[in-house]
């Protein structure tokens, strides 16, 4: 997925990776306070070279060890192969880390009881010197703070299926509506209500599009959701031009660029849906709610499909 979208990063870097000298001074300031930016990432930001932000909840809460560590390394390698620099983002002992060395990645992957950090949690975890993985919303915010305009992830959060009872709508969606960053993903996790998620994104003014010949909106484990993006682009060049146009307009909202999992790696839609329905019933019966719902359901779907959903998740990095 990342190879396809990022192969033209070098050609478009002046348009989509611009960092002004004044903003760079801000980066230097926050580096010495709340932020710890790796030397490799800092050097690339200084000269306007392409940097891609990566989240860390897939490491801390999305996969079991050691698959999570192997996947984190694989994703970073893929970004590097495109000529860009990966910047995995996490909070470690109260410091916002932008770019993680292998030892820190392994520490996150092998540790238990780490926090799942959304936008709302940032003041607490920083003031209390906590450690944890950043969600899509927190990663978007932190990447934007240091001038990284592109963020790649597996799937974003969305409107939960029982929203009429729980009012559970992921802050990923509101973050996309107020943070000008391009998020590349395999769509919305299929455990959610895809149609209502797209409606909410429209309300937030988010530009949603599919990379491909159709507007079919992917559903994370599967390439089809029976829902459609408002737009599609047929090539990475078109995607880069769209991102540049959004930046030139100084829009205060983000872009969601979806790339479907290849058919040969996708999971069976009916099997996934049956596992989701059972997992939702179990979560409700156990009183599981809030930010614990998604990790629980993803884990149960993996168990119920005998690892097929996890296998599909790994392929989303290719």
C-alpha atoms as a PDB file:
ATOM      1  CA  UNK A   1       0.000   0.000   0.000  1.00  0.00           C
ATOM      2  CA  UNK A   2       2.675   2.517   1.002  1.00  0.00           C
ATOM      3  CA  UNK A   3       4.879   1.678  -1.993  1.00  0.00           C
ATOM      4  CA  UNK A   4       2.113   2.646  -4.405  1.00  0.00           C
ATOM      5  CA  UNK A   5       1.269   5.947  -2.747  1.00  0.00           C
ATOM      6  CA  UNK A   6       4.765   7.149  -1.903  1.00  0.00           C
ATOM      7  CA  UNK A   7       6.788   6.262  -4.989  1.00  0.00           C
ATOM      8  CA  UNK A   8       6.553   9.857  -6.232  1.00  0.00           C
ATOM      9  CA  UNK A   9       7.376  11.469  -2.889  1.00  0.00           C
ATOM     10  CA  UNK A  10      10.721  12.796  -4.030  1.00  0.00           C
ATOM     11  CA  UNK A  11       9.271  14.494  -7.123  1.00  0.00           C
ATOM     12  CA  UNK A  12       6.496  16.140  -5.128  1.00  0.00           C
ATOM     13  CA  UNK A  13       8.461  16.961  -1.974  1.00  0.00           C
ATOM     14  CA  UNK A  14       8.653  20.678  -2.680  1.00  0.00           C
ATOM     15  CA  UNK A  15       4.878  20.785  -2.826  1.00  0.00           C
ATOM     16  CA  UNK A  16       3.864  18.366  -0.070  1.00  0.00           C
ATOM     17  CA  UNK A  17       6.802  18.438   2.341  1.00  0.00           C
ATOM     18  CA  UNK A  18       7.494  22.155   2.682  1.00  0.00           C
ATOM     19  CA  UNK A  19       8.712  23.308   6.096  1.00  0.00           C
ATOM     20  CA  UNK A  20       9.408  27.018   6.546  1.00  0.00           C
ATOM     21  CA  UNK A  21      12.485  28.273   8.365  1.00  0.00           C
ATOM     22  CA  UNK A  22      10.293  29.939  10.985  1.00  0.00           C
ATOM     23  CA  UNK A  23       8.441  26.715  11.634  1.00  0.00           C
ATOM     24  CA  UNK A  24      11.701  24.843  11.876  1.00  0.00           C
ATOM     25  CA  UNK A  25      12.705  27.197  14.691  1.00  0.00           C
ATOM     26  CA  UNK A  26       9.543  26.093  16.465  1.00  0.00           C
ATOM     27  CA  UNK A  27      10.559  22.469  15.942  1.00  0.00           C
ATOM     28  CA  UNK A  28      13.912  23.154  17.577  1.00  0.00           C
ATOM     29  CA  UNK A  29      12.133  24.737  20.542  1.00  0.00           C
ATOM     30  CA  UNK A  30       9.637  21.946  21.147  1.00  0.00           C
ATOM     31  CA  UNK A  31      12.346  19.339  20.635  1.00  0.00           C
ATOM     32  CA  UNK A  32      13.945  20.553  23.845  1.00  0.00           C
ATOM     33  CA  UNK A  33      10.665  20.602  25.784  1.00  0.00           C
ATOM     34  CA  UNK A  34       7.843  18.137  25.043  1.00  0.00           C
ATOM     35  CA  UNK A  35       9.186  16.535  21.886  1.00  0.00           C
ATOM     36  CA  UNK A  36      12.049  14.169  21.183  1.00  0.00           C
ATOM     37  CA  UNK A  37      12.613  14.129  17.415  1.00  0.00           C
ATOM     38  CA  UNK A  38      15.090  11.573  16.125  1.00  0.00           C
ATOM     39  CA  UNK A  39      18.172  13.031  14.384  1.00  0.00           C
ATOM     40  CA  UNK A  40      17.248  11.288  11.108  1.00  0.00           C
ATOM     41  CA  UNK A  41      13.734  12.758  11.052  1.00  0.00           C
ATOM     42  CA  UNK A  42      14.913  16.188  12.161  1.00  0.00           C
ATOM     43  CA  UNK A  43      17.490  16.349   9.365  1.00  0.00           C
ATOM     44  CA  UNK A  44      14.889  15.437   6.751  1.00  0.00           C
ATOM     45  CA  UNK A  45      12.427  18.027   8.041  1.00  0.00           C
ATOM     46  CA  UNK A  46      15.124  20.692   7.982  1.00  0.00           C
ATOM     47  CA  UNK A  47      15.758  20.226   4.270  1.00  0.00           C
ATOM     48  CA  UNK A  48      12.177  19.485   3.248  1.00  0.00           C
ATOM     49  CA  UNK A  49      12.800  15.860   2.386  1.00  0.00           C
ATOM     50  CA  UNK A  50       9.835  13.428   2.523  1.00  0.00           C
ATOM     51  CA  UNK A  51       8.882  12.062   5.939  1.00  0.00           C
ATOM     52  CA  UNK A  52       5.936   9.736   6.605  1.00  0.00           C
ATOM     53  CA  UNK A  53       4.322   9.536  10.031  1.00  0.00           C
ATOM     54  CA  UNK A  54       3.335   6.125  11.427  1.00  0.00           C
ATOM     55  CA  UNK A  55       1.118   5.380  14.415  1.00  0.00           C
ATOM     56  CA  UNK A  56       2.075   3.128  17.315  1.00  0.00           C
ATOM     57  CA  UNK A  57      -1.192   1.687  18.649  1.00  0.00           C
ATOM     58  CA  UNK A  58      -0.862  -1.048  16.031  1.00  0.00           C
ATOM     59  CA  UNK A  59       2.287  -1.981  17.981  1.00  0.00           C
ATOM     60  CA  UNK A  60       0.908  -1.582  21.499  1.00  0.00           C
ATOM     61  CA  UNK A  61      -2.705  -2.677  21.003  1.00  0.00           C
ATOM     62  CA  UNK A  62      -3.244  -3.941  17.445  1.00  0.00           C
ATOM     63  CA  UNK A  63      -1.230  -7.153  17.214  1.00  0.00           C
ATOM     64  CA  UNK A  64       0.319  -9.735  19.552  1.00  0.00           C
ATOM     65  CA  UNK A  65       4.076  -9.929  20.129  1.00  0.00           C
ATOM     66  CA  UNK A  66       6.266 -10.590  18.143  1.00  0.00           C
ATOM     67  CA  UNK A  67       4.035 -10.027  15.086  1.00  0.00           C
ATOM     68  CA  UNK A  68       3.605  -6.388  16.124  1.00  0.00           C
ATOM     69  CA  UNK A  69       7.361  -5.774  16.244  1.00  0.00           C
ATOM     70  CA  UNK A  70       7.968  -7.524  12.915  1.00  0.00           C
ATOM     71  CA  UNK A  71       5.172  -5.539  11.299  1.00  0.00           C
ATOM     72  CA  UNK A  72       6.518  -2.238  12.647  1.00  0.00           C
ATOM     73  CA  UNK A  73       9.937  -2.972  11.170  1.00  0.00           C
ATOM     74  CA  UNK A  74       8.397  -4.079   7.855  1.00  0.00           C
ATOM     75  CA  UNK A  75       6.345  -0.896   7.540  1.00  0.00           C
ATOM     76  CA  UNK A  76       9.363   1.307   8.219  1.00  0.00           C
ATOM     77  CA  UNK A  77      11.394  -0.622   5.651  1.00  0.00           C
ATOM     78  CA  UNK A  78       8.704  -0.134   3.003  1.00  0.00           C
ATOM     79  CA  UNK A  79       8.643   3.614   3.636  1.00  0.00           C
ATOM     80  CA  UNK A  80      12.439   3.730   3.338  1.00  0.00           C
ATOM     81  CA  UNK A  81      12.317   1.835   0.040  1.00  0.00           C
ATOM     82  CA  UNK A  82      10.210   4.656  -1.419  1.00  0.00           C
ATOM     83  CA  UNK A  83      12.945   7.171  -0.607  1.00  0.00           C
ATOM     84  CA  UNK A  84      11.067   8.644   2.362  1.00  0.00           C
ATOM     85  CA  UNK A  85      11.955   8.539   6.064  1.00  0.00           C
ATOM     86  CA  UNK A  86       9.586   6.778   8.505  1.00  0.00           C
ATOM     87  CA  UNK A  87       8.643   8.566  11.699  1.00  0.00           C
ATOM     88  CA  UNK A  88       6.845   6.220  14.080  1.00  0.00           C
ATOM     89  CA  UNK A  89       5.230   8.346  16.796  1.00  0.00           C
ATOM     90  CA  UNK A  90       4.660   7.370  20.435  1.00  0.00           C
ATOM     91  CA  UNK A  91       4.801   8.836  23.925  1.00  0.00           C
ATOM     92  CA  UNK A  92       7.554   7.409  26.124  1.00  0.00           C
ATOM     93  CA  UNK A  93       7.988   8.508  29.724  1.00  0.00           C
ATOM     94  CA  UNK A  94       6.102  11.728  29.060  1.00  0.00           C
ATOM     95  CA  UNK A  95       8.043  12.694  25.930  1.00  0.00           C
ATOM     96  CA  UNK A  96       6.504  12.797  22.473  1.00  0.00           C
ATOM     97  CA  UNK A  97       8.857  10.714  20.345  1.00  0.00           C
ATOM     98  CA  UNK A  98       8.921  11.406  16.613  1.00  0.00           C
ATOM     99  CA  UNK A  99      10.918   8.587  15.035  1.00  0.00           C
ATOM    100  CA  UNK A 100      11.831   5.496  17.059  1.00  0.00           C
ATOM    101  CA  UNK A 101      14.999   3.419  17.012  1.00  0.00           C
ATOM    102  CA  UNK A 102      14.630  -0.372  16.907  1.00  0.00           C
ATOM    103  CA  UNK A 103      15.106  -0.825  20.650  1.00  0.00           C
ATOM    104  CA  UNK A 104      12.253   1.572  21.427  1.00  0.00           C
ATOM    105  CA  UNK A 105      10.031  -0.193  18.912  1.00  0.00           C
ATOM    106  CA  UNK A 106      10.771  -3.501  20.600  1.00  0.00           C
ATOM    107  CA  UNK A 107      10.131  -2.005  24.039  1.00  0.00           C
ATOM    108  CA  UNK A 108       6.686  -0.883  22.913  1.00  0.00           C
ATOM    109  CA  UNK A 109       5.957  -4.198  21.214  1.00  0.00           C
ATOM    110  CA  UNK A 110       6.952  -6.400  24.138  1.00  0.00           C
ATOM    111  CA  UNK A 111       5.532  -4.338  27.005  1.00  0.00           C
ATOM    112  CA  UNK A 112       2.112  -4.840  28.543  1.00  0.00           C
ATOM    113  CA  UNK A 113      -0.269  -2.386  30.211  1.00  0.00           C
ATOM    114  CA  UNK A 114       0.742   0.475  27.943  1.00  0.00           C
ATOM    115  CA  UNK A 115      -1.727   3.294  27.398  1.00  0.00           C
ATOM    116  CA  UNK A 116      -3.738   3.799  24.235  1.00  0.00           C
ATOM    117  CA  UNK A 117      -3.264   7.507  23.678  1.00  0.00           C
ATOM    118  CA  UNK A 118      -5.810   9.603  21.806  1.00  0.00           C
ATOM    119  CA  UNK A 119      -5.854  13.411  21.459  1.00  0.00           C
ATOM    120  CA  UNK A 120      -7.771  13.797  24.718  1.00  0.00           C
ATOM    121  CA  UNK A 121      -5.162  11.815  26.676  1.00  0.00           C
ATOM    122  CA  UNK A 122      -2.068  13.785  25.650  1.00  0.00           C
ATOM    123  CA  UNK A 123      -2.035  16.348  28.506  1.00  0.00           C
ATOM    124  CA  UNK A 124      -2.406  13.576  31.098  1.00  0.00           C
ATOM    125  CA  UNK A 125       0.181  11.150  29.734  1.00  0.00           C
ATOM    126  CA  UNK A 126       2.760  13.880  29.246  1.00  0.00           C
ATOM    127  CA  UNK A 127       2.255  15.423  32.675  1.00  0.00           C
ATOM    128  CA  UNK A 128       2.330  11.994  34.359  1.00  0.00           C
ATOM    129  CA  UNK A 129       5.359  10.706  32.397  1.00  0.00           C
ATOM    130  CA  UNK A 130       3.380   7.822  30.927  1.00  0.00           C
ATOM    131  CA  UNK A 131       4.235   5.572  27.994  1.00  0.00           C
ATOM    132  CA  UNK A 132       1.905   4.360  25.289  1.00  0.00           C
ATOM    133  CA  UNK A 133       0.953   4.084  21.643  1.00  0.00           C
ATOM    134  CA  UNK A 134      -0.652   6.978  19.789  1.00  0.00           C
ATOM    135  CA  UNK A 135      -3.927   6.456  17.936  1.00  0.00           C
ATOM    136  CA  UNK A 136      -4.709   7.901  14.519  1.00  0.00           C
ATOM    137  CA  UNK A 137      -6.021  11.136  16.037  1.00  0.00           C
ATOM    138  CA  UNK A 138      -3.031  11.701  18.318  1.00  0.00           C
ATOM    139  CA  UNK A 139      -0.563  10.739  15.586  1.00  0.00           C
ATOM    140  CA  UNK A 140      -2.180  13.180  13.162  1.00  0.00           C
ATOM    141  CA  UNK A 141      -2.015  16.017  15.666  1.00  0.00           C
ATOM    142  CA  UNK A 142       1.593  15.364  16.688  1.00  0.00           C
ATOM    143  CA  UNK A 143       2.798  14.863  13.120  1.00  0.00           C
ATOM    144  CA  UNK A 144       1.219  18.162  12.109  1.00  0.00           C
ATOM    145  CA  UNK A 145       2.867  19.925  15.048  1.00  0.00           C
ATOM    146  CA  UNK A 146       6.317  19.103  13.663  1.00  0.00           C
ATOM    147  CA  UNK A 147       5.519  19.640   9.993  1.00  0.00           C
ATOM    148  CA  UNK A 148       4.917  16.100   8.709  1.00  0.00           C
ATOM    149  CA  UNK A 149       2.014  16.258   6.225  1.00  0.00           C
ATOM    150  CA  UNK A 150       1.586  12.564   5.330  1.00  0.00           C
ATOM    151  CA  UNK A 151       0.571   9.752   7.657  1.00  0.00           C
ATOM    152  CA  UNK A 152       0.155   6.086   6.676  1.00  0.00           C
ATOM    153  CA  UNK A 153      -1.873   3.590   8.715  1.00  0.00           C
ATOM    154  CA  UNK A 154      -3.840   0.363   8.320  1.00  0.00           C
ATOM    155  CA  UNK A 155      -7.374   1.498   9.064  1.00  0.00           C
ATOM    156  CA  UNK A 156      -8.936   4.474  10.788  1.00  0.00           C
ATOM    157  CA  UNK A 157     -11.621   4.492  13.465  1.00  0.00           C
ATOM    158  CA  UNK A 158     -15.171   5.529  12.694  1.00  0.00           C
ATOM    159  CA  UNK A 159     -18.806   5.466  13.732  1.00  0.00           C
ATOM    160  CA  UNK A 160     -19.583   2.361  15.787  1.00  0.00           C
ATOM    161  CA  UNK A 161     -22.480   0.158  14.778  1.00  0.00           C
ATOM    162  CA  UNK A 162     -24.420   0.793  17.989  1.00  0.00           C
ATOM    163  CA  UNK A 163     -23.943   4.572  17.781  1.00  0.00           C
ATOM    164  CA  UNK A 164     -27.645   5.185  18.488  1.00  0.00           C
ATOM    165  CA  UNK A 165     -27.096   3.684  21.951  1.00  0.00           C
ATOM    166  CA  UNK A 166     -23.432   4.319  22.706  1.00  0.00           C
ATOM    167  CA  UNK A 167     -22.785   7.611  20.861  1.00  0.00           C
ATOM    168  CA  UNK A 168     -19.381   6.085  20.116  1.00  0.00           C
ATOM    169  CA  UNK A 169     -17.745   8.018  17.267  1.00  0.00           C
ATOM    170  CA  UNK A 170     -13.987   7.841  16.929  1.00  0.00           C
ATOM    171  CA  UNK A 171     -12.049  11.046  17.429  1.00  0.00           C
ATOM    172  CA  UNK A 172     -10.100  10.016  14.324  1.00  0.00           C
ATOM    173  CA  UNK A 173     -12.965  11.502  12.321  1.00  0.00           C
ATOM    174  CA  UNK A 174     -13.086  14.861  14.085  1.00  0.00           C
ATOM    175  CA  UNK A 175      -9.290  15.051  13.887  1.00  0.00           C
ATOM    176  CA  UNK A 176      -9.497  14.600  10.122  1.00  0.00           C
ATOM    177  CA  UNK A 177     -11.907  17.523  10.107  1.00  0.00           C
ATOM    178  CA  UNK A 178      -9.518  19.916  11.856  1.00  0.00           C
ATOM    179  CA  UNK A 179      -5.951  18.789  11.119  1.00  0.00           C
ATOM    180  CA  UNK A 180      -4.527  19.387   7.612  1.00  0.00           C
ATOM    181  CA  UNK A 181      -2.717  16.117   7.038  1.00  0.00           C
ATOM    182  CA  UNK A 182      -3.112  13.419   4.381  1.00  0.00           C
ATOM    183  CA  UNK A 183      -3.951  10.031   5.885  1.00  0.00           C
ATOM    184  CA  UNK A 184      -3.303   6.976   3.694  1.00  0.00           C
ATOM    185  CA  UNK A 185      -5.176   3.880   4.874  1.00  0.00           C
ATOM    186  CA  UNK A 186      -7.058   0.759   3.814  1.00  0.00           C
ATOM    187  CA  UNK A 187     -10.315   2.473   4.706  1.00  0.00           C
ATOM    188  CA  UNK A 188     -12.386   2.146   7.857  1.00  0.00           C
ATOM    189  CA  UNK A 189     -12.163  -0.957  10.020  1.00  0.00           C
ATOM    190  CA  UNK A 190     -15.027  -3.207   8.918  1.00  0.00           C
ATOM    191  CA  UNK A 191     -16.111  -3.723  12.533  1.00  0.00           C
ATOM    192  CA  UNK A 192     -17.607  -0.216  12.252  1.00  0.00           C
ATOM    193  CA  UNK A 193     -20.531   1.330  10.382  1.00  0.00           C
ATOM    194  CA  UNK A 194     -18.831   2.331   7.128  1.00  0.00           C
ATOM    195  CA  UNK A 195     -21.795   4.184   5.630  1.00  0.00           C
ATOM    196  CA  UNK A 196     -22.348   6.379   8.689  1.00  0.00           C
ATOM    197  CA  UNK A 197     -18.607   6.981   8.936  1.00  0.00           C
ATOM    198  CA  UNK A 198     -18.558   8.381   5.406  1.00  0.00           C
ATOM    199  CA  UNK A 199     -21.531  10.591   6.222  1.00  0.00           C
ATOM    200  CA  UNK A 200     -19.745  11.921   9.312  1.00  0.00           C
ATOM    201  CA  UNK A 201     -16.575  12.631   7.311  1.00  0.00           C
ATOM    202  CA  UNK A 202     -18.672  14.610   4.828  1.00  0.00           C
ATOM    203  CA  UNK A 203     -20.055  16.701   7.671  1.00  0.00           C
ATOM    204  CA  UNK A 204     -16.503  17.353   8.861  1.00  0.00           C
ATOM    205  CA  UNK A 205     -15.472  18.576   5.406  1.00  0.00           C
ATOM    206  CA  UNK A 206     -12.914  15.818   4.865  1.00  0.00           C
ATOM    207  CA  UNK A 207     -11.817  15.057   1.309  1.00  0.00           C
ATOM    208  CA  UNK A 208     -12.250  11.279   0.936  1.00  0.00           C
ATOM    209  CA  UNK A 209     -11.018   9.434  -2.115  1.00  0.00           C
ATOM    210  CA  UNK A 210      -9.996   5.986  -3.327  1.00  0.00           C
ATOM    211  CA  UNK A 211      -6.789   5.242  -5.204  1.00  0.00           C
ATOM    212  CA  UNK A 212      -7.874   3.078  -8.112  1.00  0.00           C
ATOM    213  CA  UNK A 213     -10.124   2.902 -11.133  1.00  0.00           C
ATOM    214  CA  UNK A 214     -13.365   3.019  -9.130  1.00  0.00           C
ATOM    215  CA  UNK A 215     -14.736   4.877  -6.104  1.00  0.00           C
ATOM    216  CA  UNK A 216     -15.264   1.643  -4.139  1.00  0.00           C
ATOM    217  CA  UNK A 217     -14.451   2.362  -0.500  1.00  0.00           C
ATOM    218  CA  UNK A 218     -12.346  -0.411   1.089  1.00  0.00           C
ATOM    219  CA  UNK A 219     -13.181  -1.980   4.444  1.00  0.00           C
ATOM    220  CA  UNK A 220      -9.789  -2.807   5.940  1.00  0.00           C
ATOM    221  CA  UNK A 221      -9.840  -6.633   5.810  1.00  0.00           C
ATOM    222  CA  UNK A 222     -11.631  -6.628   2.448  1.00  0.00           C
ATOM    223  CA  UNK A 223     -11.385  -4.408  -0.658  1.00  0.00           C
ATOM    224  CA  UNK A 224     -15.132  -3.786  -0.855  1.00  0.00           C
ATOM    225  CA  UNK A 225     -17.678  -2.336   1.552  1.00  0.00           C
ATOM    226  CA  UNK A 226     -20.635  -1.645  -0.788  1.00  0.00           C
ATOM    227  CA  UNK A 227     -20.009   2.025  -0.058  1.00  0.00           C
ATOM    228  CA  UNK A 228     -18.299   4.607  -2.239  1.00  0.00           C
ATOM    229  CA  UNK A 229     -15.884   7.490  -1.820  1.00  0.00           C
ATOM    230  CA  UNK A 230     -16.940  10.852  -3.276  1.00  0.00           C
ATOM    231  CA  UNK A 231     -13.857  10.796  -5.523  1.00  0.00           C
ATOM    232  CA  UNK A 232     -11.116   8.552  -6.874  1.00  0.00           C
ATOM    233  CA  UNK A 233      -7.658   9.120  -8.342  1.00  0.00           C
ATOM    234  CA  UNK A 234      -6.152   6.628 -10.753  1.00  0.00           C
ATOM    235  CA  UNK A 235      -2.454   7.086  -9.985  1.00  0.00           C
ATOM    236  CA  UNK A 236       0.017   8.145  -7.271  1.00  0.00           C
ATOM    237  CA  UNK A 237       0.801  11.224  -9.391  1.00  0.00           C
ATOM    238  CA  UNK A 238      -2.819  12.348  -9.199  1.00  0.00           C
ATOM    239  CA  UNK A 239      -2.868  11.704  -5.446  1.00  0.00           C
ATOM    240  CA  UNK A 240       0.267  13.825  -4.954  1.00  0.00           C
ATOM    241  CA  UNK A 241      -1.219  16.688  -6.975  1.00  0.00           C
ATOM    242  CA  UNK A 242      -4.402  16.563  -4.898  1.00  0.00           C
ATOM    243  CA  UNK A 243      -2.429  16.715  -1.640  1.00  0.00           C
ATOM    244  CA  UNK A 244      -0.421  19.657  -2.979  1.00  0.00           C
ATOM    245  CA  UNK A 245      -3.626  21.449  -4.028  1.00  0.00           C
ATOM    246  CA  UNK A 246      -5.096  21.019  -0.542  1.00  0.00           C
ATOM    247  CA  UNK A 247      -1.948  22.472   1.016  1.00  0.00           C
ATOM    248  CA  UNK A 248      -1.900  25.412  -1.373  1.00  0.00           C
ATOM    249  CA  UNK A 249      -5.510  26.180  -0.417  1.00  0.00           C
ATOM    250  CA  UNK A 250      -4.493  26.196   3.273  1.00  0.00           C
ATOM    251  CA  UNK A 251      -7.465  24.040   4.169  1.00  0.00           C
ATOM    252  CA  UNK A 252      -7.767  23.313   7.875  1.00  0.00           C
ATOM    253  CA  UNK A 253      -9.103  19.817   7.282  1.00  0.00           C
ATOM    254  CA  UNK A 254      -7.409  16.578   6.315  1.00  0.00           C
ATOM    255  CA  UNK A 255      -7.520  14.137   3.436  1.00  0.00           C
ATOM    256  CA  UNK A 256      -8.384  10.443   3.642  1.00  0.00           C
ATOM    257  CA  UNK A 257      -6.772   8.542   0.759  1.00  0.00           C
ATOM    258  CA  UNK A 258      -7.866   4.914   0.770  1.00  0.00           C
ATOM    259  CA  UNK A 259      -5.985   2.038  -0.843  1.00  0.00           C
ATOM    260  CA  UNK A 260      -7.689  -1.357  -0.892  1.00  0.00           C
ATOM    261  CA  UNK A 261      -6.002  -4.533   0.259  1.00  0.00           C
ATOM    262  CA  UNK A 262      -5.149  -6.689  -2.808  1.00  0.00           C
ATOM    263  CA  UNK A 263      -7.780  -9.347  -3.555  1.00  0.00           C
ATOM    264  CA  UNK A 264      -5.322 -12.196  -3.108  1.00  0.00           C
ATOM    265  CA  UNK A 265      -4.669 -11.164   0.501  1.00  0.00           C
ATOM    266  CA  UNK A 266      -8.167 -10.137   1.565  1.00  0.00           C
ATOM    267  CA  UNK A 267     -10.211 -12.113   4.062  1.00  0.00           C
ATOM    268  CA  UNK A 268     -13.592 -13.643   3.249  1.00  0.00           C
ATOM    269  CA  UNK A 269     -16.176 -10.923   3.785  1.00  0.00           C
ATOM    270  CA  UNK A 270     -18.923 -13.246   5.073  1.00  0.00           C
ATOM    271  CA  UNK A 271     -16.596 -14.961   7.538  1.00  0.00           C
ATOM    272  CA  UNK A 272     -15.326 -11.628   8.821  1.00  0.00           C
ATOM    273  CA  UNK A 273     -18.863 -10.273   9.211  1.00  0.00           C
ATOM    274  CA  UNK A 274     -19.999 -13.344  11.161  1.00  0.00           C
ATOM    275  CA  UNK A 275     -17.004 -13.002  13.499  1.00  0.00           C
ATOM    276  CA  UNK A 276     -17.710  -9.296  13.961  1.00  0.00           C
ATOM    277  CA  UNK A 277     -21.349  -9.933  14.887  1.00  0.00           C
ATOM    278  CA  UNK A 278     -20.375 -12.528  17.477  1.00  0.00           C
ATOM    279  CA  UNK A 279     -17.631 -10.271  18.890  1.00  0.00           C
ATOM    280  CA  UNK A 280     -20.035  -7.355  19.197  1.00  0.00           C
ATOM    281  CA  UNK A 281     -22.478  -9.503  21.173  1.00  0.00           C
ATOM    282  CA  UNK A 282     -19.682 -10.683  23.479  1.00  0.00           C
ATOM    283  CA  UNK A 283     -18.442  -7.130  24.024  1.00  0.00           C
ATOM    284  CA  UNK A 284     -21.938  -5.971  24.917  1.00  0.00           C
ATOM    285  CA  UNK A 285     -22.531  -8.907  27.273  1.00  0.00           C
ATOM    286  CA  UNK A 286     -19.213  -8.241  29.016  1.00  0.00           C
ATOM    287  CA  UNK A 287     -19.867  -4.512  29.402  1.00  0.00           C
ATOM    288  CA  UNK A 288     -16.849  -3.556  27.311  1.00  0.00           C
ATOM    289  CA  UNK A 289     -17.056   0.019  26.040  1.00  0.00           C
ATOM    290  CA  UNK A 290     -15.135   3.122  25.045  1.00  0.00           C
ATOM    291  CA  UNK A 291     -11.634   2.773  23.677  1.00  0.00           C
ATOM    292  CA  UNK A 292     -11.467  -0.869  24.839  1.00  0.00           C
ATOM    293  CA  UNK A 293     -14.071  -1.974  22.283  1.00  0.00           C
ATOM    294  CA  UNK A 294     -11.942  -1.903  19.148  1.00  0.00           C
ATOM    295  CA  UNK A 295      -8.944  -3.869  20.545  1.00  0.00           C
ATOM    296  CA  UNK A 296     -11.319  -6.446  22.024  1.00  0.00           C
ATOM    297  CA  UNK A 297     -13.248  -6.959  18.797  1.00  0.00           C
ATOM    298  CA  UNK A 298     -10.137  -7.097  16.620  1.00  0.00           C
ATOM    299  CA  UNK A 299      -8.630  -9.712  18.912  1.00  0.00           C
ATOM    300  CA  UNK A 300     -11.810 -11.809  18.986  1.00  0.00           C
ATOM    301  CA  UNK A 301     -12.256 -11.581  15.213  1.00  0.00           C
ATOM    302  CA  UNK A 302      -8.702 -12.855  14.836  1.00  0.00           C
ATOM    303  CA  UNK A 303      -9.448 -15.761  17.180  1.00  0.00           C
ATOM    304  CA  UNK A 304     -12.760 -16.614  15.531  1.00  0.00           C
ATOM    305  CA  UNK A 305     -11.267 -16.550  12.027  1.00  0.00           C
ATOM    306  CA  UNK A 306      -8.285 -18.616  13.209  1.00  0.00           C
ATOM    307  CA  UNK A 307      -5.775 -15.918  12.360  1.00  0.00           C
ATOM    308  CA  UNK A 308      -7.129 -14.980   8.931  1.00  0.00           C
ATOM    309  CA  UNK A 309      -7.920 -11.398   9.921  1.00  0.00           C
ATOM    310  CA  UNK A 310      -4.423 -10.925  11.360  1.00  0.00           C
ATOM    311  CA  UNK A 311      -2.891 -12.313   8.170  1.00  0.00           C
ATOM    312  CA  UNK A 312      -4.887  -9.781   6.160  1.00  0.00           C
ATOM    313  CA  UNK A 313      -3.812  -6.972   8.506  1.00  0.00           C
ATOM    314  CA  UNK A 314      -0.151  -7.774   7.886  1.00  0.00           C
ATOM    315  CA  UNK A 315      -0.642  -7.505   4.147  1.00  0.00           C
ATOM    316  CA  UNK A 316      -1.965  -3.966   4.509  1.00  0.00           C
ATOM    317  CA  UNK A 317       1.656  -2.817   4.880  1.00  0.00           C
ATOM    318  CA  UNK A 318       2.597  -3.967   1.376  1.00  0.00           C
END
